[in-house]
């Protein structure tokens, strides 16, 4: 049984179709890429999974149970954490305090505790940010902020990690390193990843399975090597070619 399943999910905004009968499975322990051109519905799908949006049709199952009656603020306690395309941190708080938010939210009680602080400190060390623990988020480089946000998500000990454009703002070398980093974390911490990313080489290299949306509809789903050669996928990217050597 898949850890996460979208079943015939549909969502409209003022008559505009955002998601149209979308179904996908994310098996436990896997990295699944969710790709598509701008406006394809990728972030909308994330917002449905995390209960920021309520779908007009269909269901979202996590570990076999529907998420549609779970309030957004309790999603993290179900074992789902996410990052955002545009960094969503507290700029006036320190790096450690931002990560503590994730550590505390993932516990049974939203309160400061030694266990939460220890988890936050260990997570910062894991992502090589412990030296910045007492720095305020405001003014830090964008790439560093993305890693702080990742640390906040990891501190909640998720079973499923939703990554929305995590390599945004990184240079080519940093993107290469990030791909290896995420794969290593997945193996060490035993979580599952649903990855939205525009860096196709990264997606094709790290993903076990890739799901493609265009105008809110599924146009392809399968192993990376099959998806990158799919004519509908190539057409959706305006004739652009996906590097066949990326997988």
Protein backbone atom coordinates (compact mmCIF):
# COMPACT_ATOMS: atom_id res chain seq x y z
CA UNK A 1 0.00 0.00 0.00
CA UNK A 2 1.28 3.45 -0.92
CA UNK A 3 2.17 5.83 1.90
CA UNK A 4 0.46 8.71 0.07
CA UNK A 5 -2.29 8.42 -2.53
CA UNK A 6 -4.22 11.06 -4.42
CA UNK A 7 -7.43 9.59 -5.77
CA UNK A 8 -9.22 11.41 -8.62
CA UNK A 9 -8.51 14.81 -7.05
CA UNK A 10 -10.17 17.81 -8.68
CA UNK A 11 -9.97 21.50 -7.77
CA UNK A 12 -11.22 24.64 -9.47
CA UNK A 13 -10.70 28.32 -8.73
CA UNK A 14 -13.49 30.52 -10.09
CA UNK A 15 -14.03 28.15 -12.97
CA UNK A 16 -10.32 27.67 -13.71
CA UNK A 17 -9.26 24.03 -13.50
CA UNK A 18 -6.26 23.68 -11.19
CA UNK A 19 -6.34 19.90 -10.78
CA UNK A 20 -8.37 17.62 -13.01
CA UNK A 21 -8.93 14.03 -11.86
CA UNK A 22 -5.36 13.65 -10.59
CA UNK A 23 -4.30 10.32 -9.11
CA UNK A 24 -0.82 9.40 -7.94
CA UNK A 25 0.86 7.08 -5.47
CA UNK A 26 3.99 7.64 -3.42
CA UNK A 27 5.38 4.39 -2.07
CA UNK A 28 7.07 4.40 1.30
CA UNK A 29 10.82 4.94 1.23
CA UNK A 30 10.83 6.26 -2.34
CA UNK A 31 11.67 9.61 -3.90
CA UNK A 32 8.91 10.60 -6.32
CA UNK A 33 9.33 13.57 -8.64
CA UNK A 34 6.32 15.74 -9.47
CA UNK A 35 7.11 17.85 -12.52
CA UNK A 36 5.41 19.98 -15.15
CA UNK A 37 5.57 23.44 -16.73
CA UNK A 38 4.70 26.57 -14.75
CA UNK A 39 1.03 26.52 -13.79
CA UNK A 40 0.73 22.75 -14.18
CA UNK A 41 -0.71 22.29 -10.67
CA UNK A 42 2.30 21.00 -8.75
CA UNK A 43 2.23 23.41 -5.81
CA UNK A 44 -1.58 23.23 -5.82
CA UNK A 45 -1.25 19.48 -5.28
CA UNK A 46 1.07 20.15 -2.32
CA UNK A 47 -1.47 22.59 -0.89
CA UNK A 48 -4.22 19.97 -1.20
CA UNK A 49 -2.08 17.35 0.54
CA UNK A 50 -1.27 19.73 3.41
CA UNK A 51 -4.91 20.87 3.68
CA UNK A 52 -4.33 24.48 2.68
CA UNK A 53 -6.83 23.81 -0.12
CA UNK A 54 -9.91 21.61 0.02
CA UNK A 55 -10.43 19.62 -3.18
CA UNK A 56 -13.78 19.74 -4.96
CA UNK A 57 -13.57 16.03 -5.73
CA UNK A 58 -11.54 12.98 -4.84
CA UNK A 59 -9.59 11.99 -1.75
CA UNK A 60 -6.09 12.14 -0.29
CA UNK A 61 -4.96 9.11 1.69
CA UNK A 62 -1.96 8.96 3.99
CA UNK A 63 -1.04 5.55 5.36
CA UNK A 64 -4.47 4.35 4.25
CA UNK A 65 -6.46 7.08 6.03
CA UNK A 66 -8.08 10.13 4.48
CA UNK A 67 -6.50 13.49 5.23
CA UNK A 68 -9.54 15.53 4.26
CA UNK A 69 -10.84 15.82 7.82
CA UNK A 70 -7.43 16.66 9.28
CA UNK A 71 -7.00 20.39 9.98
CA UNK A 72 -4.00 22.00 8.31
CA UNK A 73 -2.27 22.67 11.64
CA UNK A 74 -2.37 18.95 12.49
CA UNK A 75 -0.93 17.66 9.24
CA UNK A 76 2.61 17.82 10.58
CA UNK A 77 1.62 15.56 13.47
CA UNK A 78 0.32 13.02 10.99
CA UNK A 79 3.92 12.79 9.79
CA UNK A 80 3.93 15.16 6.80
CA UNK A 81 6.29 18.14 6.56
CA UNK A 82 7.01 20.50 3.69
CA UNK A 83 9.17 23.28 2.37
CA UNK A 84 7.91 26.14 0.20
CA UNK A 85 8.87 27.49 -3.20
CA UNK A 86 9.16 30.94 -1.61
CA UNK A 87 10.92 30.55 1.72
CA UNK A 88 8.51 30.80 4.65
CA UNK A 89 10.62 31.47 7.73
CA UNK A 90 10.40 33.87 10.66
CA UNK A 91 13.03 36.51 9.76
CA UNK A 92 13.31 38.04 13.23
CA UNK A 93 13.94 34.66 14.85
CA UNK A 94 17.29 32.89 14.95
CA UNK A 95 18.06 29.89 12.80
CA UNK A 96 17.77 27.66 15.86
CA UNK A 97 14.42 29.17 16.84
CA UNK A 98 13.06 28.60 13.33
CA UNK A 99 14.08 24.95 13.45
CA UNK A 100 12.62 24.63 16.96
CA UNK A 101 9.23 25.43 15.45
CA UNK A 102 9.44 22.21 13.47
CA UNK A 103 10.81 20.19 16.38
CA UNK A 104 8.02 21.37 18.69
CA UNK A 105 5.24 21.04 16.12
CA UNK A 106 6.16 17.44 15.47
CA UNK A 107 5.82 16.51 19.15
CA UNK A 108 2.80 15.75 21.27
CA UNK A 109 2.70 19.18 22.84
CA UNK A 110 3.62 22.50 21.27
CA UNK A 111 5.95 23.57 24.02
CA UNK A 112 9.62 24.24 24.47
CA UNK A 113 11.41 21.20 25.85
CA UNK A 114 14.91 19.85 26.19
CA UNK A 115 14.06 17.06 23.76
CA UNK A 116 12.84 19.51 21.13
CA UNK A 117 15.89 21.73 21.52
CA UNK A 118 18.23 18.75 21.27
CA UNK A 119 16.45 17.57 18.12
CA UNK A 120 16.69 21.03 16.59
CA UNK A 121 20.40 21.30 17.38
CA UNK A 122 21.07 17.82 15.98
CA UNK A 123 19.16 18.65 12.81
CA UNK A 124 21.16 21.84 12.30
CA UNK A 125 24.34 19.82 12.64
CA UNK A 126 22.98 17.27 10.16
CA UNK A 127 22.46 19.95 7.49
CA UNK A 128 25.74 21.73 8.38
CA UNK A 129 24.11 24.86 9.79
CA UNK A 130 25.01 24.52 13.47
CA UNK A 131 27.53 27.37 13.15
CA UNK A 132 24.63 29.70 12.25
CA UNK A 133 22.31 28.62 15.07
CA UNK A 134 22.29 32.03 16.78
CA UNK A 135 22.13 34.10 13.60
CA UNK A 136 18.82 35.72 12.70
CA UNK A 137 17.22 34.43 9.50
CA UNK A 138 16.95 37.94 8.09
CA UNK A 139 19.88 38.74 5.84
CA UNK A 140 21.08 35.19 5.28
CA UNK A 141 21.68 34.10 1.65
CA UNK A 142 18.70 32.57 -0.12
CA UNK A 143 20.39 29.19 -0.49
CA UNK A 144 21.08 29.12 3.25
CA UNK A 145 17.47 30.02 4.02
CA UNK A 146 16.32 27.10 1.87
CA UNK A 147 18.47 24.79 3.98
CA UNK A 148 17.11 26.29 7.21
CA UNK A 149 13.60 25.57 5.97
CA UNK A 150 14.63 22.02 5.14
CA UNK A 151 16.04 21.65 8.65
CA UNK A 152 12.78 22.90 10.15
CA UNK A 153 10.87 20.25 8.21
CA UNK A 154 13.32 17.49 9.14
CA UNK A 155 13.17 18.42 12.83
CA UNK A 156 9.54 17.28 12.93
CA UNK A 157 10.71 13.74 12.06
CA UNK A 158 8.42 13.36 9.04
CA UNK A 159 7.48 10.12 7.38
CA UNK A 160 6.73 12.11 4.22
CA UNK A 161 8.71 15.17 3.17
CA UNK A 162 7.25 17.46 0.51
CA UNK A 163 9.96 19.53 -1.17
CA UNK A 164 8.79 22.46 -3.31
CA UNK A 165 11.63 23.76 -5.50
CA UNK A 166 14.34 22.99 -2.91
CA UNK A 167 17.17 23.67 -5.39
CA UNK A 168 15.89 27.10 -6.37
CA UNK A 169 18.65 29.69 -6.28
CA UNK A 170 21.44 27.12 -6.22
CA UNK A 171 24.23 27.03 -8.78
CA UNK A 172 25.03 23.92 -10.84
CA UNK A 173 27.56 22.54 -8.38
CA UNK A 174 25.24 23.14 -5.43
CA UNK A 175 22.37 21.40 -7.25
CA UNK A 176 24.60 18.35 -7.77
CA UNK A 177 25.50 18.31 -4.08
CA UNK A 178 21.89 18.78 -3.02
CA UNK A 179 20.74 15.74 -4.97
CA UNK A 180 23.28 13.52 -3.25
CA UNK A 181 22.42 15.13 0.10
CA UNK A 182 18.68 14.40 -0.19
CA UNK A 183 19.30 10.80 -1.27
CA UNK A 184 21.62 10.29 1.68
CA UNK A 185 19.17 11.79 4.16
CA UNK A 186 16.37 9.61 2.80
CA UNK A 187 18.50 6.51 3.30
CA UNK A 188 19.71 7.49 6.78
CA UNK A 189 16.48 8.89 8.24
CA UNK A 190 14.09 6.52 6.44
CA UNK A 191 11.57 9.00 5.14
CA UNK A 192 9.69 9.33 1.84
CA UNK A 193 9.99 12.29 -0.54
CA UNK A 194 7.62 13.96 -2.98
CA UNK A 195 9.76 16.42 -4.93
CA UNK A 196 8.67 19.38 -7.07
CA UNK A 197 11.65 20.76 -8.94
CA UNK A 198 12.47 22.52 -12.23
CA UNK A 199 16.03 21.18 -12.37
CA UNK A 200 15.25 18.17 -14.56
CA UNK A 201 18.67 16.58 -14.23
CA UNK A 202 18.22 16.58 -10.44
CA UNK A 203 14.72 15.08 -10.65
CA UNK A 204 15.73 12.37 -13.09
CA UNK A 205 18.82 11.46 -11.09
CA UNK A 206 17.31 11.12 -7.62
CA UNK A 207 13.73 10.01 -8.31
CA UNK A 208 12.56 6.41 -8.27
CA UNK A 209 9.36 7.43 -10.06
CA UNK A 210 8.23 10.61 -11.84
CA UNK A 211 4.70 11.97 -12.22
CA UNK A 212 4.03 14.71 -14.78
CA UNK A 213 1.25 17.30 -14.73
CA UNK A 214 0.22 19.76 -17.42
CA UNK A 215 -2.72 22.15 -17.04
CA UNK A 216 -3.77 20.23 -13.93
CA UNK A 217 -3.91 16.86 -15.67
CA UNK A 218 -1.64 13.83 -15.52
CA UNK A 219 0.15 13.33 -18.84
CA UNK A 220 2.75 10.74 -17.81
CA UNK A 221 3.84 8.63 -14.86
CA UNK A 222 6.61 6.08 -14.59
CA UNK A 223 10.35 5.48 -14.18
CA UNK A 224 12.54 8.52 -14.99
CA UNK A 225 14.05 6.94 -18.08
CA UNK A 226 10.58 6.42 -19.58
CA UNK A 227 9.20 9.81 -18.62
CA UNK A 228 12.11 11.78 -20.08
CA UNK A 229 11.50 10.18 -23.49
CA UNK A 230 7.71 10.55 -23.42
CA UNK A 231 6.56 12.67 -26.41
CA UNK A 232 3.76 14.28 -24.38
CA UNK A 233 6.24 15.38 -21.73
CA UNK A 234 8.63 16.83 -24.29
CA UNK A 235 5.75 18.64 -25.97
CA UNK A 236 4.55 20.05 -22.64
CA UNK A 237 7.96 21.62 -22.14
CA UNK A 238 7.54 23.49 -25.43
CA UNK A 239 9.70 21.13 -27.39
CA UNK A 240 12.57 21.30 -24.93
CA UNK A 241 14.56 18.12 -24.53
CA UNK A 242 15.21 16.46 -21.20
CA UNK A 243 18.77 15.20 -20.89
CA UNK A 244 18.63 11.46 -21.52
CA UNK A 245 21.85 11.00 -19.55
CA UNK A 246 20.43 12.61 -16.39
CA UNK A 247 18.98 9.44 -14.87
